[in-house]
Amino acid sequence: MHCSAHGLRKAGAAVAAENGATERHLMAIFGWSSTKVASHYTRAARQKMLAGAGMEHLSRDQKYNKIRAHFS
C-alpha cells in the first residue's frame, strides 16, 4: 500500500476533527494559516456525528412501527 504525506495529513485531520478538535486546533497541528481547510474537516466531522444521531431516530421509529403493526 502506498501512503503519501498528503493522504496521511488528510487522515490525521479527519481523525482529529472526529475526536473533537476545533478549527484552531487543526490549524495549530497542521500549520494552516487560515480556517478554510480546517473548517472542511470540522464540518465533515459534524455531519458524520449528526448522521449517526439521525440514524438512531430512524431506528427508534422503525421499532415503534413494528410494535404498532403487531398490535393492529
Protein backbone atom coordinates (compact mmCIF):
# COMPACT_ATOMS: atom_id res chain seq x y z
CA MET A 1 0.00 0.00 0.00
CA HIS A 2 1.29 3.48 -0.90
CA CYS A 3 0.77 6.35 1.53
CA SER A 4 1.51 9.94 0.61
CA ALA A 5 2.23 12.76 3.03
CA HIS A 6 -0.92 14.49 1.79
CA GLY A 7 -3.04 11.39 2.41
CA LEU A 8 -1.65 10.98 5.91
CA ARG A 9 -2.35 14.67 6.67
CA LYS A 10 -5.93 14.27 5.42
CA ALA A 11 -6.46 11.15 7.52
CA GLY A 12 -4.94 12.80 10.59
CA ALA A 13 -7.10 15.90 10.20
CA ALA A 14 -10.24 13.80 9.79
CA VAL A 15 -9.47 11.71 12.88
CA ALA A 16 -8.61 14.76 14.97
CA ALA A 17 -11.82 16.56 13.92
CA GLU A 18 -13.93 13.46 14.63
CA ASN A 19 -12.32 13.34 18.08
CA GLY A 20 -13.39 16.91 18.80
CA ALA A 21 -10.52 19.06 17.52
CA THR A 22 -11.63 22.58 16.65
CA GLU A 23 -10.60 24.57 13.58
CA ARG A 24 -7.95 26.34 15.69
CA HIS A 25 -6.63 23.00 16.96
CA LEU A 26 -6.29 21.71 13.40
CA MET A 27 -4.60 24.93 12.30
CA ALA A 28 -2.04 24.56 15.08
CA ILE A 29 -1.44 20.85 14.46
CA PHE A 30 -1.08 21.09 10.69
CA GLY A 31 0.35 24.60 10.37
CA TRP A 32 -2.52 26.03 8.34
CA SER A 33 -2.78 29.82 8.39
CA SER A 34 -6.49 30.12 7.60
CA THR A 35 -9.64 28.37 8.73
CA LYS A 36 -10.66 27.44 5.17
CA VAL A 37 -9.13 23.95 5.10
CA ALA A 38 -9.68 23.32 8.81
CA SER A 39 -13.39 24.09 8.51
CA HIS A 40 -13.71 21.44 5.79
CA TYR A 41 -12.68 18.77 8.30
CA THR A 42 -14.73 20.11 11.22
CA ARG A 43 -17.87 20.39 9.02
CA ALA A 44 -17.39 16.82 7.77
CA ALA A 45 -16.96 15.55 11.34
CA ARG A 46 -20.14 17.36 12.48
CA GLN A 47 -22.06 15.95 9.52
CA LYS A 48 -20.89 12.42 10.37
CA MET A 49 -21.94 12.88 14.00
CA LEU A 50 -25.34 14.30 13.03
CA ALA A 51 -25.95 11.48 10.57
CA GLY A 52 -25.19 8.91 13.25
CA ALA A 53 -27.57 10.59 15.68
CA GLY A 54 -30.22 10.80 12.97
CA MET A 55 -29.94 7.08 12.26
CA GLU A 56 -30.71 6.42 15.91
CA HIS A 57 -34.00 8.27 15.48
CA LEU A 58 -34.80 6.27 12.36
CA SER A 59 -34.10 3.06 14.21
CA ARG A 60 -36.44 4.00 17.06
CA ASP A 61 -39.16 4.86 14.55
CA GLN A 62 -38.83 1.50 12.84
CA LYS A 63 -39.11 -0.33 16.17
CA TYR A 64 -42.23 1.67 17.06
CA ASN A 65 -43.84 0.88 13.71
CA LYS A 66 -43.14 -2.84 14.10
CA ILE A 67 -44.67 -2.87 17.58
CA ARG A 68 -47.68 -0.87 16.39
CA ALA A 69 -48.20 -3.19 13.42
CA HIS A 70 -48.07 -6.21 15.73
CA PHE A 71 -50.95 -4.92 17.86
CA SER A 72 -53.09 -3.59 14.99
